[in-house]
Amino acid sequence: MGSEHPWEGILHLVQSPQQYTGREWNSETGPAGRPSVTLVYPDTYELGMSNFGLAVVRHILLATGRFHVRRAFCPAPDMLSLIRSRNLPWMTLDDPVEASDCDLLAFGIPCEILFPNLVMLLGLAGIPLRSADRDDSHPIVVAGGGGLSNPLPLSPFIDAFYLGDAETGAVSLMDELTGGGSRTDRLARSAAQEGVWVPSMGRRRVRWQRAVRLDPADAPVNQVVPTARIVHDRAVVEIARGCTRGCRFCQATQLARPVRERSVADIESIARRSIASTGWEDAGLLTLSFSDFTDLPALLAAVDGLEKELAVNISRPSLRPDTFVRLAGGSGITGRVTLAPEAGSETFRRRLNKDLGDAQVIEAVNAAFRLGATGVKLYFMAGLPGETDDDLRAIADLSSEAARAASRAGRSGSVSISISPFVPKPHTPLQWCGQHPPQELRRRIALVRSMARRFTVGCNDPDAAALEGLMGLGDGTETPCLIEEAVAHGAGFEGWKEHFRRDIWKDCAEEHPALLERLFSGLDPSSDPEWSFVEAGSSVGFLREEYARFLRGEATPDCRESGCNGCGACDGIAVPALRPESADRAPSVRSSSGLPSKAQRPVAATLRIRFGRRGLSRFTSQLDLTRLWMRTARRSGLPVALSAGHVTRPRLRFGPALPLGFESTGEYIDILLCESSSTDLPLDRGLPLPEGFFVTGARLMDGRIPSPEGEAGIAVYRISDLVSAPDAAGLLEGAGGLLAMEPDGNDGIRITAVLGEPASRPDRLLAAMTSARGGPVLVKRVEILGERDGCPVPLLSMHEGVDLF
């Protein structure tokens, strides 16, 4: 993002401006001059950067070398308001251009609640909302993702849908759509591809695409490392895809069949390379059913070894209660444990095909507290088909029993439950069922809450759940009109509680009573749903039989244990069989090592670094800067000393924080090292800092020295493009802490001030000057000084040592 970027002048007005500046580690875009693809996540950066599907698609496109790939996200509401009020364009994050300036605009849609945001962003980009109104001057709009098993509600807005695993055919679709010929010709050719639906070419059978195996080459190892905080701020390693447990409310268990696993060796290799490439201090394993991984003991042992060797924390997905108890062994647990009974009674859980006894749930709770958990959270649903008030009371009864277990363990008040309204999903056995209106869902949740004595109750918004149902079960005619009308009235960010405009949706939905009637009354089970032209895994016949089993209260065993159930999803793909006995052989999740780690080794030296930032890196907050340097230290190969404890961190010490929006050539950080030889430090190529950050000096000193914060006494600033020095002197007359002020060149002044004096804080000194100029100014901290032998000297010169660069 250069100085000509349309948003630069407003970044100081928004929260978390760093999310708009780009230039993160590993944010390569591919060769310039190739067909341009902009990958869009239709929500904010902090959510989009946590979406693993976006990372996979970006990785496989860049790996071909045939595309120039940018990313774009929905501006947060404060930025969106400024863009609209100032008539500014929506920009890509990488190589910033207007989002519409590309060959393909490709949206990733993981859930139906993002449908309105997609339509809102088309309008923000200046692209006609409806495909029928576009011509060859507009980019082709593509959509894919797990939230599109029923693509009908978006069909008037999307030129081409890709349905299923991206590894199978996304590249060939992009090749076709960026090939020769007119827009119509390219869409017509792509319509013949497996997994592609082009609405303008008419409705046809489309089979959801599935990768036969999880190829290590398709794993995104060089994941983009954000410089702004995101929801899941860690490296992600997908260990398996698919689940055959067959919970009847769950869409993922139908769409992602069959199960495909990576080998433990591949998982370990991908994790190792991802951590080395990104510098992340945390990683996470991704799968739908961690308990069902075939060689779970070997995986846990490998993960345990990686944590100790690389000094990282690798989070595991939640376990089923029965597996959790077996795996716990003698190992300790930190933090809270989450369990998902989903329904309060064993009878109803059997109807949901979640055959789990009350005793198993309580046994898991007891084991969690016995092993050191600080709390337990239980997940339930309300409003399930056929649910009675007795079923809701069973939720309270089971939760109360869990709370009693917590009290016996000395953890009173540490049990909480979360209640999600049931939403029928396409391509599930319960897709024919109606959804309770919001007012009835609120009554049911209130009933459970009224019986809560020793546990707390949280819930998802029933109004948002109704909207999710309207989107997911929508049609191709009325639902698009509903979305268009709501967006025109200001809807958007439906997944954000504080921004959800239920008033707009209520008014607009009342204009489409047939949609509400269908949602609340349900569908005829003898008829195939309108979205059945998408063959999304299990056949309609199998889903109908599973619905009948739900009504009869019969469970269906996992096909990996009992053999094929005839769902129709495998299509010749080999499925790994479960080995349920393997969990009993699981080693302790946390085993100790006799080898000393860097966290246990004493500090041998201190590397003091003076660094700076320029351009839009000046909008990096101190918290984001801390994370940046943590990851820089990990990526650098330096023998960094680590903190003690289970979750280790590089031992860093910073100088005085710089106010947001200031440039600098004089910031300081101390990196504590457990080795002192300067010849062994891998600094020949400098440090792996993101663009906009640079090092201006480094000195290696033996042992530990006082921190930069403790030694700092004076700061020197240069203020550019401002009022004259005499005028500035008048404005600052009487301000405490000022030591000197003098002209600096033709367009600036230099101020020397005492650090720690409230009146001489640079952001406060500038307030009067900025108001006099009538706009923001550019401020640079030139140096920080300490006192040595009675004289002020730069912090880099406070102690004797070896200068490295």
Foldseek 3Di string as FASTA:
>chain_A
DFPPDPCPFCLVVDPQSLQQADLFFLQAFADPPAAEEEEEELAGSQAVLVDQLSLLLSLVQRVVSRYGYFYFYHDDPVVVVVCVVVVHARWTRPPTDHQFPGQEYEYEDAALLSVLSVLLVCVSSVHPQFPVPDFQVTHAYEYEYNHVLPVQLSQRRHQKYAAADCVPPVNVLVCLSPDDDTNVVSSVVSCPDARMHGPVVPFFFHEHDADLADDLSSRNQLRGQRLTHHDDRAAEFEFKWEDQLAQQLDPRNFQGDDIHGDDLVSRLVSVVSSCLNFLGQEYEYDYDALLFDAQNQVNLVSQQVCCQVQVHYYDYDAHELQLLLLQQPQAADEEEHEYECQWLAQLLSLLSSNNDHLVSVLSSLLSNLVRPYLAYEYEYEPQPPPDDLVRLVSNLVSQVSSQVSCVVSVRFLRYEYEYEYRAHAPPGLCQQAAGAQQVVRVVSQVSSCVSDDGYYYHYDRRLLSLVSNLSRQDHNPVSNVLSVQLVVVPADPSVDPVRGDSVSSVVSVVVVVVSVCCRHHGHDLVDDRPSQSYNSGFHSVVSSVSNVCSVVSHHDGRCLAVNDPRRRRCPPRDHHHHDSVSSNVRDNSHDDDPDDGLQRFAFWKKKKFFKWFDDQVLQRFPVSVVSQVQSQVSNQPAQFRWHDDSNITGDKFWADTDDRQATERATMMITTHRDQDPVPGRQPPHIPHRPRMGTDWMFMGTDDDDGNHVFFWKWKKKWFQFDDQVVLCVQCPPQPFWDDWAADPDTIIMTMGTPPRVSVRPVNSCPSGCVVVVRDTYMYTYFTWGADPRDTDGPNPNDDGGIDD
